[in-house]
Amino acid sequence: MFFEPLNLDGRKRSAAHHATRLSKLHGRLAKKLDQVDHAADRVEHAAAVLVEATRQSATHETMAPSAVFVHLGASQTLGL
């Protein structure tokens, strides 16, 4: 939007300036909300993939022993 250079009425110029600024801010907000929606979609997709992978590994898991015994020598550590 262009402003009239010889317009001495400050109220009209101020209203036009505020309307232009509001329009620009609205556009920036809409763009940012689209970016947030896109990121949320990616997170939901990743969560769905993780849930599916967890379900598949749970169904393909072999029966593990209920207790595992680790024998360490005097100079060995668990590496924790």
N, C-alpha and C. Protein backbone atom coordinates (compact mmCIF):
# COMPACT_ATOMS: atom_id res chain seq x y z
N MET A 1 0.85 -1.17 0.00
CA MET A 1 0.00 0.00 0.00
C MET A 1 0.90 1.23 0.00
N PHE A 2 0.55 2.21 -0.86
CA PHE A 2 1.33 3.44 -0.95
C PHE A 2 0.63 4.54 -0.17
N PHE A 3 1.42 5.39 0.43
CA PHE A 3 0.88 6.52 1.17
C PHE A 3 1.00 7.78 0.33
N GLU A 4 0.04 8.63 0.47
CA GLU A 4 0.09 9.89 -0.26
C GLU A 4 1.14 10.80 0.37
N PRO A 5 2.13 11.27 -0.41
CA PRO A 5 3.19 12.05 0.20
C PRO A 5 2.76 13.43 0.68
N LEU A 6 1.72 14.00 0.11
CA LEU A 6 1.30 15.34 0.49
C LEU A 6 0.09 15.34 1.43
N ASN A 7 -0.30 14.17 1.91
CA ASN A 7 -1.43 14.09 2.81
C ASN A 7 -0.99 14.55 4.19
N LEU A 8 -1.54 15.65 4.64
CA LEU A 8 -1.15 16.19 5.93
C LEU A 8 -2.06 15.73 7.06
N ASP A 9 -3.09 14.96 6.74
CA ASP A 9 -4.01 14.47 7.77
C ASP A 9 -3.37 13.25 8.43
N GLY A 10 -2.84 13.44 9.62
CA GLY A 10 -2.12 12.38 10.31
C GLY A 10 -3.00 11.20 10.68
N ARG A 11 -4.25 11.46 10.97
CA ARG A 11 -5.14 10.35 11.37
C ARG A 11 -5.39 9.40 10.22
N LYS A 12 -5.61 9.93 9.02
CA LYS A 12 -5.83 9.06 7.86
C LYS A 12 -4.56 8.27 7.56
N ARG A 13 -3.41 8.93 7.62
CA ARG A 13 -2.15 8.27 7.33
C ARG A 13 -1.87 7.20 8.39
N SER A 14 -2.16 7.50 9.64
CA SER A 14 -1.95 6.55 10.72
C SER A 14 -2.87 5.33 10.56
N ALA A 15 -4.11 5.56 10.21
CA ALA A 15 -5.05 4.45 10.02
C ALA A 15 -4.61 3.56 8.87
N ALA A 16 -4.13 4.19 7.78
CA ALA A 16 -3.66 3.40 6.64
C ALA A 16 -2.41 2.60 7.03
N HIS A 17 -1.54 3.24 7.79
CA HIS A 17 -0.32 2.55 8.23
C HIS A 17 -0.67 1.35 9.12
N HIS A 18 -1.58 1.54 10.05
CA HIS A 18 -1.98 0.45 10.95
C HIS A 18 -2.68 -0.67 10.19
N ALA A 19 -3.50 -0.32 9.22
CA ALA A 19 -4.18 -1.35 8.43
C ALA A 19 -3.18 -2.16 7.63
N THR A 20 -2.19 -1.47 7.05
CA THR A 20 -1.16 -2.18 6.28
C THR A 20 -0.34 -3.09 7.18
N ARG A 21 0.05 -2.57 8.33
CA ARG A 21 0.84 -3.37 9.28
C ARG A 21 0.05 -4.57 9.78
N LEU A 22 -1.22 -4.38 10.07
CA LEU A 22 -2.07 -5.49 10.52
C LEU A 22 -2.19 -6.55 9.43
N SER A 23 -2.32 -6.12 8.20
CA SER A 23 -2.42 -7.06 7.09
C SER A 23 -1.14 -7.88 6.96
N LYS A 24 0.02 -7.21 7.07
CA LYS A 24 1.29 -7.92 6.98
C LYS A 24 1.45 -8.91 8.14
N LEU A 25 1.10 -8.48 9.34
CA LEU A 25 1.21 -9.36 10.50
C LEU A 25 0.28 -10.56 10.38
N HIS A 26 -0.91 -10.32 9.83
CA HIS A 26 -1.86 -11.42 9.62
C HIS A 26 -1.26 -12.45 8.65
N GLY A 27 -0.64 -11.98 7.59
CA GLY A 27 -0.01 -12.88 6.63
C GLY A 27 1.12 -13.68 7.25
N ARG A 28 1.94 -13.01 8.07
CA ARG A 28 3.04 -13.71 8.74
C ARG A 28 2.53 -14.74 9.73
N LEU A 29 1.46 -14.41 10.44
CA LEU A 29 0.87 -15.35 11.39
C LEU A 29 0.30 -16.57 10.67
N ALA A 30 -0.38 -16.34 9.55
CA ALA A 30 -0.94 -17.46 8.79
C ALA A 30 0.17 -18.37 8.29
N LYS A 31 1.28 -17.78 7.82
CA LYS A 31 2.40 -18.59 7.34
C LYS A 31 3.01 -19.40 8.49
N LYS A 32 3.16 -18.78 9.65
CA LYS A 32 3.74 -19.48 10.81
C LYS A 32 2.82 -20.62 11.27
N LEU A 33 1.52 -20.39 11.25
CA LEU A 33 0.58 -21.45 11.64
C LEU A 33 0.65 -22.62 10.67
N ASP A 34 0.84 -22.34 9.39
CA ASP A 34 1.01 -23.42 8.41
C ASP A 34 2.28 -24.22 8.71
N GLN A 35 3.35 -23.52 9.09
CA GLN A 35 4.59 -24.21 9.43
C GLN A 35 4.40 -25.09 10.66
N VAL A 36 3.68 -24.58 11.66
CA VAL A 36 3.42 -25.36 12.88
C VAL A 36 2.57 -26.58 12.55
N ASP A 37 1.56 -26.42 11.71
CA ASP A 37 0.74 -27.57 11.31
C ASP A 37 1.57 -28.62 10.59
N HIS A 38 2.46 -28.17 9.72
CA HIS A 38 3.32 -29.12 8.99
C HIS A 38 4.23 -29.87 9.97
N ALA A 39 4.81 -29.15 10.92
CA ALA A 39 5.68 -29.79 11.91
C ALA A 39 4.88 -30.77 12.78
N ALA A 40 3.67 -30.40 13.14
CA ALA A 40 2.83 -31.29 13.96
C ALA A 40 2.49 -32.56 13.17
N ASP A 41 2.23 -32.43 11.88
CA ASP A 41 1.97 -33.61 11.06
C ASP A 41 3.18 -34.54 11.03
N ARG A 42 4.39 -33.95 10.93
CA ARG A 42 5.60 -34.77 10.92
C ARG A 42 5.79 -35.49 12.26
N VAL A 43 5.49 -34.81 13.35
CA VAL A 43 5.62 -35.44 14.68
C VAL A 43 4.61 -36.57 14.83
N GLU A 44 3.37 -36.35 14.39
CA GLU A 44 2.35 -37.41 14.47
C GLU A 44 2.76 -38.62 13.63
N HIS A 45 3.32 -38.36 12.46
CA HIS A 45 3.76 -39.46 11.60
C HIS A 45 4.90 -40.24 12.27
N ALA A 46 5.85 -39.52 12.85
CA ALA A 46 6.97 -40.19 13.53
C ALA A 46 6.48 -40.99 14.72
N ALA A 47 5.50 -40.46 15.45
CA ALA A 47 4.95 -41.19 16.59
C ALA A 47 4.24 -42.46 16.12
N ALA A 48 3.52 -42.38 15.02
CA ALA A 48 2.84 -43.56 14.49
C ALA A 48 3.85 -44.62 14.05
N VAL A 49 4.94 -44.19 13.43
CA VAL A 49 5.99 -45.13 13.02
C VAL A 49 6.60 -45.79 14.25
N LEU A 50 6.85 -45.00 15.29
CA LEU A 50 7.43 -45.55 16.52
C LEU A 50 6.49 -46.55 17.18
N VAL A 51 5.21 -46.24 17.24
CA VAL A 51 4.24 -47.16 17.83
C VAL A 51 4.19 -48.46 17.03
N GLU A 52 4.19 -48.35 15.71
CA GLU A 52 4.14 -49.54 14.86
C GLU A 52 5.40 -50.38 15.05
N ALA A 53 6.55 -49.73 15.11
CA ALA A 53 7.80 -50.46 15.32
C ALA A 53 7.82 -51.14 16.68
N THR A 54 7.28 -50.47 17.68
CA THR A 54 7.22 -51.05 19.02
C THR A 54 6.31 -52.27 19.04
N ARG A 55 5.18 -52.16 18.37
CA ARG A 55 4.24 -53.30 18.31
C ARG A 55 4.86 -54.48 17.58
N GLN A 56 5.55 -54.21 16.48
CA GLN A 56 6.16 -55.29 15.72
C GLN A 56 7.27 -55.96 16.51
N SER A 57 8.08 -55.17 17.21
CA SER A 57 9.17 -55.79 17.97
C SER A 57 8.62 -56.57 19.17
N ALA A 58 7.48 -56.15 19.70
CA ALA A 58 6.88 -56.88 20.83
C ALA A 58 6.31 -58.22 20.37
N THR A 59 5.78 -58.27 19.17
CA THR A 59 5.20 -59.52 18.68
C THR A 59 6.27 -60.48 18.18
N HIS A 60 7.43 -59.95 17.73
CA HIS A 60 8.50 -60.79 17.21
C HIS A 60 9.54 -61.12 18.28
N GLU A 61 9.34 -60.65 19.46
CA GLU A 61 10.31 -60.85 20.52
C GLU A 61 10.28 -62.30 20.98
N THR A 62 11.45 -62.87 21.17
CA THR A 62 11.51 -64.24 21.68
C THR A 62 11.43 -64.20 23.19
N MET A 63 11.13 -65.32 23.76
CA MET A 63 11.01 -65.39 25.21
C MET A 63 12.40 -65.26 25.83
N ALA A 64 12.58 -64.23 26.59
CA ALA A 64 13.87 -64.00 27.25
C ALA A 64 13.81 -64.62 28.65
N PRO A 65 14.95 -65.04 29.16
CA PRO A 65 14.94 -65.55 30.52
C PRO A 65 14.56 -64.44 31.51
N SER A 66 13.93 -64.83 32.60
CA SER A 66 13.46 -63.83 33.55
C SER A 66 14.59 -63.18 34.31
N ALA A 67 15.73 -63.83 34.44
CA ALA A 67 16.87 -63.25 35.14
C ALA A 67 18.13 -63.54 34.35
N VAL A 68 19.00 -62.56 34.30
CA VAL A 68 20.26 -62.73 33.61
C VAL A 68 21.37 -62.55 34.63
N PHE A 69 22.26 -63.50 34.68
CA PHE A 69 23.37 -63.43 35.62
C PHE A 69 24.62 -63.02 34.87
N VAL A 70 25.31 -62.04 35.42
CA VAL A 70 26.54 -61.56 34.81
C VAL A 70 27.67 -61.88 35.77
N HIS A 71 28.67 -62.56 35.27
CA HIS A 71 29.83 -62.89 36.09
C HIS A 71 30.98 -61.97 35.68
N LEU A 72 31.45 -61.17 36.60
CA LEU A 72 32.53 -60.24 36.33
C LEU A 72 33.79 -60.68 37.07
N GLY A 73 34.89 -60.49 36.39
CA GLY A 73 36.17 -60.75 37.05
C GLY A 73 36.53 -59.58 37.94
N ALA A 74 37.62 -59.70 38.67
CA ALA A 74 38.02 -58.66 39.62
C ALA A 74 38.33 -57.35 38.93
N SER A 75 38.84 -57.37 37.69
CA SER A 75 39.21 -56.13 37.01
C SER A 75 38.18 -55.67 35.98
N GLN A 76 37.02 -56.31 35.93
CA GLN A 76 35.99 -55.98 34.93
C GLN A 76 34.94 -55.05 35.53
N THR A 77 34.36 -54.23 34.66
CA THR A 77 33.25 -53.34 35.08
C THR A 77 32.11 -53.50 34.09
N LEU A 78 30.97 -52.98 34.46
CA LEU A 78 29.81 -53.01 33.58
C LEU A 78 29.86 -51.91 32.52
N GLY A 79 30.75 -50.95 32.70
CA GLY A 79 30.85 -49.86 31.74
C GLY A 79 29.80 -48.80 31.90
N LEU A 80 29.23 -48.68 33.09
CA LEU A 80 28.19 -47.68 33.33
C LEU A 80 28.78 -46.35 33.68
